[in-house]
C-alpha atoms as a PDB file:
ATOM      1  CA  MET A   1       4.586 -19.623  -6.392  1.00  0.00           C
ATOM      2  CA  GLU A   2       4.722 -16.464  -4.287  1.00  0.00           C
ATOM      3  CA  MET A   3       3.181 -13.484  -6.003  1.00  0.00           C
ATOM      4  CA  LYS A   4       6.340 -11.428  -5.682  1.00  0.00           C
ATOM      5  CA  ASP A   5       8.080 -14.062  -7.805  1.00  0.00           C
ATOM      6  CA  MET A   6       5.440 -14.079 -10.552  1.00  0.00           C
ATOM      7  CA  THR A   7       6.002 -12.342 -13.855  1.00  0.00           C
ATOM      8  CA  LEU A   8       4.026  -9.156 -14.299  1.00  0.00           C
ATOM      9  CA  ALA A   9       1.997 -10.809 -17.049  1.00  0.00           C
ATOM     10  CA  GLY A  10       1.331 -13.792 -14.796  1.00  0.00           C
ATOM     11  CA  PHE A  11       0.169 -11.589 -11.939  1.00  0.00           C
ATOM     12  CA  VAL A  12      -2.185  -9.625 -14.175  1.00  0.00           C
ATOM     13  CA  GLU A  13      -3.610 -12.824 -15.650  1.00  0.00           C
ATOM     14  CA  ALA A  14      -4.152 -14.315 -12.185  1.00  0.00           C
ATOM     15  CA  LEU A  15      -5.684 -11.073 -10.947  1.00  0.00           C
ATOM     16  CA  GLY A  16      -8.226 -11.146 -13.753  1.00  0.00           C
ATOM     17  CA  GLY A  17      -9.201 -14.765 -13.141  1.00  0.00           C
ATOM     18  CA  LYS A  18     -11.783 -16.500 -10.952  1.00  0.00           C
ATOM     19  CA  ALA A  19      -9.493 -17.169  -7.996  1.00  0.00           C
ATOM     20  CA  ALA A  20     -10.056 -15.049  -4.884  1.00  0.00           C
ATOM     21  CA  VAL A  21      -6.355 -14.262  -4.656  1.00  0.00           C
ATOM     22  CA  PRO A  22      -4.673 -12.198  -5.831  1.00  0.00           C
ATOM     23  CA  GLY A  23      -7.392  -9.613  -5.380  1.00  0.00           C
ATOM     24  CA  GLY A  24      -7.739  -6.019  -4.314  1.00  0.00           C
ATOM     25  CA  GLY A  25      -5.303  -6.407  -1.448  1.00  0.00           C
ATOM     26  CA  GLY A  26      -2.552  -7.874  -3.602  1.00  0.00           C
ATOM     27  CA  ALA A  27      -3.133  -5.291  -6.316  1.00  0.00           C
ATOM     28  CA  SER A  28      -2.964  -2.496  -3.750  1.00  0.00           C
ATOM     29  CA  ALA A  29       0.281  -3.868  -2.355  1.00  0.00           C
ATOM     30  CA  LEU A  30       1.777  -3.963  -5.840  1.00  0.00           C
ATOM     31  CA  ALA A  31       0.591  -0.427  -6.622  1.00  0.00           C
ATOM     32  CA  GLY A  32       2.142   0.857  -3.401  1.00  0.00           C
ATOM     33  CA  ALA A  33       5.406  -0.939  -4.147  1.00  0.00           C
ATOM     34  CA  LEU A  34       5.494   0.583  -7.627  1.00  0.00           C
ATOM     35  CA  GLY A  35       4.828   4.028  -6.193  1.00  0.00           C
ATOM     36  CA  ALA A  36       7.597   3.717  -3.634  1.00  0.00           C
ATOM     37  CA  ALA A  37       9.964   2.416  -6.324  1.00  0.00           C
ATOM     38  CA  LEU A  38       9.243   5.470  -8.473  1.00  0.00           C
ATOM     39  CA  GLY A  39      10.262   7.658  -5.562  1.00  0.00           C
ATOM     40  CA  SER A  40      13.467   5.680  -5.264  1.00  0.00           C
ATOM     41  CA  MET A  41      14.117   6.270  -8.958  1.00  0.00           C
ATOM     42  CA  VAL A  42      13.792  10.015  -8.448  1.00  0.00           C
ATOM     43  CA  GLY A  43      16.360   9.705  -5.685  1.00  0.00           C
ATOM     44  CA  GLU A  44      18.767   7.690  -7.777  1.00  0.00           C
ATOM     45  CA  LEU A  45      18.541  10.229 -10.595  1.00  0.00           C
ATOM     46  CA  THR A  46      19.265  13.040  -8.144  1.00  0.00           C
ATOM     47  CA  LEU A  47      22.109  11.533  -6.139  1.00  0.00           C
ATOM     48  CA  GLY A  48      25.584  12.505  -7.254  1.00  0.00           C
ATOM     49  CA  LYS A  49      24.448  15.499  -9.267  1.00  0.00           C
ATOM     50  CA  PRO A  50      26.443  18.662  -8.353  1.00  0.00           C
ATOM     51  CA  LYS A  51      23.316  20.783  -8.700  1.00  0.00           C
ATOM     52  CA  TYR A  52      21.717  18.853  -5.819  1.00  0.00           C
ATOM     53  CA  ALA A  53      24.776  18.445  -3.604  1.00  0.00           C
ATOM     54  CA  ALA A  54      23.154  20.442  -0.805  1.00  0.00           C
ATOM     55  CA  VAL A  55      20.430  17.808  -0.405  1.00  0.00           C
ATOM     56  CA  GLU A  56      22.582  14.738  -1.056  1.00  0.00           C
ATOM     57  CA  LYS A  57      22.329  13.419   2.501  1.00  0.00           C
ATOM     58  CA  GLN A  58      18.562  13.889   2.723  1.00  0.00           C
ATOM     59  CA  MET A  59      18.069  12.378  -0.719  1.00  0.00           C
ATOM     60  CA  GLN A  60      20.114   9.306   0.182  1.00  0.00           C
ATOM     61  CA  SER A  61      17.975   8.761   3.270  1.00  0.00           C
ATOM     62  CA  LEU A  62      14.748   9.173   1.289  1.00  0.00           C
ATOM     63  CA  THR A  63      15.980   6.767  -1.378  1.00  0.00           C
ATOM     64  CA  ASP A  64      17.020   4.094   1.097  1.00  0.00           C
ATOM     65  CA  ARG A  65      13.684   4.335   2.886  1.00  0.00           C
ATOM     66  CA  ALA A  66      11.751   4.172  -0.371  1.00  0.00           C
ATOM     67  CA  LYS A  67      13.569   1.003  -1.421  1.00  0.00           C
ATOM     68  CA  ALA A  68      12.781  -0.619   1.930  1.00  0.00           C
ATOM     69  CA  LEU A  69       9.118   0.370   1.691  1.00  0.00           C
ATOM     70  CA  ALA A  70       8.838  -1.043  -1.831  1.00  0.00           C
ATOM     71  CA  ARG A  71      10.146  -4.397  -0.584  1.00  0.00           C
ATOM     72  CA  LYS A  72       7.781  -4.435   2.389  1.00  0.00           C
ATOM     73  CA  LEU A  73       4.763  -3.543   0.297  1.00  0.00           C
ATOM     74  CA  LEU A  74       5.540  -6.189  -2.289  1.00  0.00           C
ATOM     75  CA  ALA A  75       5.843  -8.803   0.458  1.00  0.00           C
ATOM     76  CA  LEU A  76       2.399  -7.806   1.715  1.00  0.00           C
ATOM     77  CA  ALA A  77       0.844  -9.082  -1.517  1.00  0.00           C
ATOM     78  CA  ASP A  78       1.702 -12.587  -0.356  1.00  0.00           C
ATOM     79  CA  ALA A  79       0.833 -11.864   3.268  1.00  0.00           C
ATOM     80  CA  ASP A  80      -2.618 -10.694   2.174  1.00  0.00           C
ATOM     81  CA  ALA A  81      -3.224 -13.883   0.198  1.00  0.00           C
ATOM     82  CA  GLU A  82      -2.011 -16.061   3.062  1.00  0.00           C
ATOM     83  CA  ALA A  83      -4.259 -14.280   5.568  1.00  0.00           C
ATOM     84  CA  PHE A  84      -7.299 -14.777   3.351  1.00  0.00           C
ATOM     85  CA  LEU A  85      -7.014 -18.567   3.241  1.00  0.00           C
ATOM     86  CA  PRO A  86      -7.988 -19.219   6.902  1.00  0.00           C
ATOM     87  CA  LEU A  87     -10.919 -16.829   6.500  1.00  0.00           C
ATOM     88  CA  SER A  88     -12.168 -18.629   3.413  1.00  0.00           C
ATOM     89  CA  ARG A  89     -12.106 -21.880   5.413  1.00  0.00           C
ATOM     90  CA  ALA A  90     -13.881 -20.235   8.345  1.00  0.00           C
ATOM     91  CA  TYR A  91     -16.732 -19.108   6.095  1.00  0.00           C
ATOM     92  CA  ALA A  92     -17.235 -22.785   5.164  1.00  0.00           C
ATOM     93  CA  ILE A  93     -17.811 -23.823   8.801  1.00  0.00           C
ATOM     94  CA  PRO A  94     -21.493 -24.705   9.310  1.00  0.00           C
ATOM     95  CA  ARG A  95     -23.419 -21.911  10.985  1.00  0.00           C
ATOM     96  CA  ASP A  96     -24.672 -24.220  13.714  1.00  0.00           C
ATOM     97  CA  ASP A  97     -21.110 -25.125  14.751  1.00  0.00           C
ATOM     98  CA  SER A  98     -20.441 -23.555  18.168  1.00  0.00           C
ATOM     99  CA  ASP A  99     -16.805 -22.951  17.248  1.00  0.00           C
ATOM    100  CA  ARG A 100     -17.684 -20.855  14.193  1.00  0.00           C
ATOM    101  CA  PRO A 101     -18.081 -17.393  15.824  1.00  0.00           C
ATOM    102  CA  ALA A 102     -14.709 -17.462  17.588  1.00  0.00           C
ATOM    103  CA  GLU A 103     -12.922 -18.822  14.536  1.00  0.00           C
ATOM    104  CA  MET A 104     -14.551 -16.243  12.273  1.00  0.00           C
ATOM    105  CA  GLU A 105     -13.483 -13.432  14.598  1.00  0.00           C
ATOM    106  CA  ARG A 106      -9.912 -14.709  14.733  1.00  0.00           C
ATOM    107  CA  CYS A 107      -9.694 -15.024  10.963  1.00  0.00           C
ATOM    108  CA  LEU A 108     -11.290 -11.637  10.303  1.00  0.00           C
ATOM    109  CA  ARG A 109      -8.673  -9.974  12.476  1.00  0.00           C
ATOM    110  CA  LEU A 110      -5.946 -11.935  10.735  1.00  0.00           C
ATOM    111  CA  ALA A 111      -7.245 -10.954   7.294  1.00  0.00           C
ATOM    112  CA  ALA A 112      -7.426  -7.268   8.239  1.00  0.00           C
ATOM    113  CA  GLU A 113      -3.791  -7.078   9.326  1.00  0.00           C
ATOM    114  CA  PRO A 114      -1.998  -7.051   5.917  1.00  0.00           C
ATOM    115  CA  PRO A 115      -4.157  -4.306   4.364  1.00  0.00           C
ATOM    116  CA  LEU A 116      -3.928  -2.294   7.582  1.00  0.00           C
ATOM    117  CA  GLU A 117      -0.151  -2.492   7.341  1.00  0.00           C
ATOM    118  CA  MET A 118      -0.415  -1.466   3.678  1.00  0.00           C
ATOM    119  CA  VAL A 119      -2.322   1.635   4.755  1.00  0.00           C
ATOM    120  CA  ARG A 120       0.446   2.569   7.182  1.00  0.00           C
ATOM    121  CA  LEU A 121       3.243   1.918   4.700  1.00  0.00           C
ATOM    122  CA  CYS A 122       1.503   3.846   1.929  1.00  0.00           C
ATOM    123  CA  CYS A 123       1.292   6.817   4.276  1.00  0.00           C
ATOM    124  CA  GLU A 124       5.032   6.564   4.869  1.00  0.00           C
ATOM    125  CA  ALA A 125       5.615   6.381   1.133  1.00  0.00           C
ATOM    126  CA  ILE A 126       3.493   9.475   0.545  1.00  0.00           C
ATOM    127  CA  GLU A 127       5.616  11.353   3.082  1.00  0.00           C
ATOM    128  CA  LEU A 128       8.688  10.352   1.094  1.00  0.00           C
ATOM    129  CA  MET A 129       7.084  11.553  -2.138  1.00  0.00           C
ATOM    130  CA  GLU A 130       6.780  14.998  -0.612  1.00  0.00           C
ATOM    131  CA  GLY A 131      10.533  14.985  -0.101  1.00  0.00           C
ATOM    132  CA  PHE A 132      11.273  13.674  -3.577  1.00  0.00           C
ATOM    133  CA  ALA A 133       8.969  16.308  -5.058  1.00  0.00           C
ATOM    134  CA  ALA A 134      10.633  19.106  -3.095  1.00  0.00           C
ATOM    135  CA  MET A 135      14.280  18.109  -3.534  1.00  0.00           C
ATOM    136  CA  GLY A 136      14.441  15.718  -6.467  1.00  0.00           C
ATOM    137  CA  SER A 137      15.919  16.383  -9.869  1.00  0.00           C
ATOM    138  CA  ALA A 138      13.678  18.510 -12.066  1.00  0.00           C
ATOM    139  CA  LEU A 139      14.270  15.943 -14.808  1.00  0.00           C
ATOM    140  CA  ALA A 140      12.626  13.189 -12.744  1.00  0.00           C
ATOM    141  CA  VAL A 141      10.148  14.987 -10.525  1.00  0.00           C
ATOM    142  CA  SER A 142       7.213  13.905 -12.705  1.00  0.00           C
ATOM    143  CA  ASP A 143       7.923  10.390 -11.441  1.00  0.00           C
ATOM    144  CA  ALA A 144       7.335  11.619  -7.904  1.00  0.00           C
ATOM    145  CA  ALA A 145       3.880  12.744  -9.065  1.00  0.00           C
ATOM    146  CA  ALA A 146       3.226   9.326 -10.575  1.00  0.00           C
ATOM    147  CA  GLY A 147       4.527   7.675  -7.425  1.00  0.00           C
ATOM    148  CA  ALA A 148       2.272   9.777  -5.213  1.00  0.00           C
ATOM    149  CA  SER A 149      -0.707   8.919  -7.398  1.00  0.00           C
ATOM    150  CA  LEU A 150       0.011   5.192  -7.202  1.00  0.00           C
ATOM    151  CA  CYS A 151       0.499   5.337  -3.444  1.00  0.00           C
ATOM    152  CA  ARG A 152      -2.765   7.227  -3.065  1.00  0.00           C
ATOM    153  CA  GLY A 153      -4.614   4.567  -5.042  1.00  0.00           C
ATOM    154  CA  ALA A 154      -2.909   1.841  -3.024  1.00  0.00           C
ATOM    155  CA  LEU A 155      -3.880   3.610   0.204  1.00  0.00           C
ATOM    156  CA  TYR A 156      -7.546   3.698  -0.782  1.00  0.00           C
ATOM    157  CA  GLY A 157      -7.489   0.120  -2.052  1.00  0.00           C
ATOM    158  CA  ALA A 158      -5.918  -1.146   1.158  1.00  0.00           C
ATOM    159  CA  ALA A 159      -8.373   0.849   3.279  1.00  0.00           C
ATOM    160  CA  VAL A 160     -11.441  -0.770   1.731  1.00  0.00           C
ATOM    161  CA  ASN A 161      -9.827  -4.182   2.191  1.00  0.00           C
ATOM    162  CA  VAL A 162      -9.508  -3.466   5.904  1.00  0.00           C
ATOM    163  CA  LYS A 163     -13.135  -2.448   6.139  1.00  0.00           C
ATOM    164  CA  VAL A 164     -14.491  -5.457   4.276  1.00  0.00           C
ATOM    165  CA  ASN A 165     -13.190  -7.452   7.230  1.00  0.00           C
ATOM    166  CA  THR A 166     -14.020  -5.121  10.106  1.00  0.00           C
ATOM    167  CA  ARG A 167     -17.657  -4.872   9.009  1.00  0.00           C
ATOM    168  CA  SER A 168     -18.188  -8.543   9.929  1.00  0.00           C
ATOM    169  CA  MET A 169     -16.373  -8.483  13.270  1.00  0.00           C
ATOM    170  CA  ALA A 170     -18.436  -9.204  16.370  1.00  0.00           C
ATOM    171  CA  ASP A 171     -16.128  -7.080  18.521  1.00  0.00           C
ATOM    172  CA  ARG A 172     -17.465  -3.717  17.384  1.00  0.00           C
ATOM    173  CA  ALA A 173     -15.256  -1.723  19.733  1.00  0.00           C
ATOM    174  CA  TYR A 174     -12.150  -3.203  18.114  1.00  0.00           C
ATOM    175  CA  ALA A 175     -13.613  -2.835  14.623  1.00  0.00           C
ATOM    176  CA  GLU A 176     -14.443   0.839  15.145  1.00  0.00           C
ATOM    177  CA  GLN A 177     -10.996   1.519  16.576  1.00  0.00           C
ATOM    178  CA  VAL A 178      -9.418   0.076  13.433  1.00  0.00           C
ATOM    179  CA  ASN A 179     -11.904   1.856  11.182  1.00  0.00           C
ATOM    180  CA  GLY A 180     -11.179   5.164  12.895  1.00  0.00           C
ATOM    181  CA  GLN A 181      -7.456   4.752  12.349  1.00  0.00           C
ATOM    182  CA  VAL A 182      -8.000   3.939   8.670  1.00  0.00           C
ATOM    183  CA  ASP A 183     -10.378   6.876   8.212  1.00  0.00           C
ATOM    184  CA  ARG A 184      -7.913   9.345   9.712  1.00  0.00           C
ATOM    185  CA  LEU A 185      -4.971   8.117   7.687  1.00  0.00           C
ATOM    186  CA  THR A 186      -6.813   8.003   4.378  1.00  0.00           C
ATOM    187  CA  GLU A 187      -8.233  11.483   4.865  1.00  0.00           C
ATOM    188  CA  VAL A 188      -4.914  13.092   5.777  1.00  0.00           C
ATOM    189  CA  TYR A 189      -2.579  11.220   3.462  1.00  0.00           C
ATOM    190  CA  GLY A 190      -4.957  11.038   0.538  1.00  0.00           C
ATOM    191  CA  LYS A 191      -4.963  14.822   0.497  1.00  0.00           C
ATOM    192  CA  ARG A 192      -1.189  15.004   0.911  1.00  0.00           C
ATOM    193  CA  ALA A 193      -0.645  12.663  -2.035  1.00  0.00           C
ATOM    194  CA  GLU A 194      -3.087  14.655  -4.140  1.00  0.00           C
ATOM    195  CA  LYS A 195      -1.223  17.872  -3.317  1.00  0.00           C
ATOM    196  CA  VAL A 196       2.090  16.365  -4.418  1.00  0.00           C
ATOM    197  CA  TYR A 197       0.508  15.332  -7.694  1.00  0.00           C
ATOM    198  CA  GLU A 198      -1.269  18.624  -8.314  1.00  0.00           C
ATOM    199  CA  ASP A 199       1.779  20.742  -7.457  1.00  0.00           C
ATOM    200  CA  ILE A 200       3.929  18.858  -9.931  1.00  0.00           C
ATOM    201  CA  TYR A 201       1.204  18.597 -12.556  1.00  0.00           C
ATOM    202  CA  GLY A 202       0.760  22.343 -12.310  1.00  0.00           C
ATOM    203  CA  ARG A 203       4.359  22.905 -13.319  1.00  0.00           C
ATOM    204  CA  TYR A 204       3.601  21.501 -16.751  1.00  0.00           C
ATOM    205  CA  CYS A 205       0.299  23.285 -17.358  1.00  0.00           C
END
């Protein structure tokens, strides 16, 4: 069964078990999807309200994009699990097998791709949260704070899942290029997500 088709209880039970998947990558994908979905909820609760008619067009665009991101992030939970399987088989190849280094490198790159895409999509979602926080209904804006917080956690979780693969790559130039991209995105967007949260949290304190 694909993870996106599991019940929430089933996913949590599987996550807490001995199996390697779902793991941190799948959990990060789910957290990002939940964060994006919360942004979409803010949009839905804002659309059609006369008080927010001036931002109706922008809010519709934000909402549509948030829904699409939630779907993409949820799908990455399965993509992450699928990418891990070849790597787990590669680790089982005897160390004296001449084919092992090339196969390990191929599988490490493959395994790094889903969490790297999660990083990028979480950054997009955080951008949307800024819009939801600025223009969304005051009755729902706390959900934009929660969404930003979830996306921030998903961003960090995905980032470490990229690096657990790049650390073992033989092609250090490629690994450092990927690491640099992840470092830049997490630094910039982690702070942006935190600002969304703190700005909204401050309204209630």
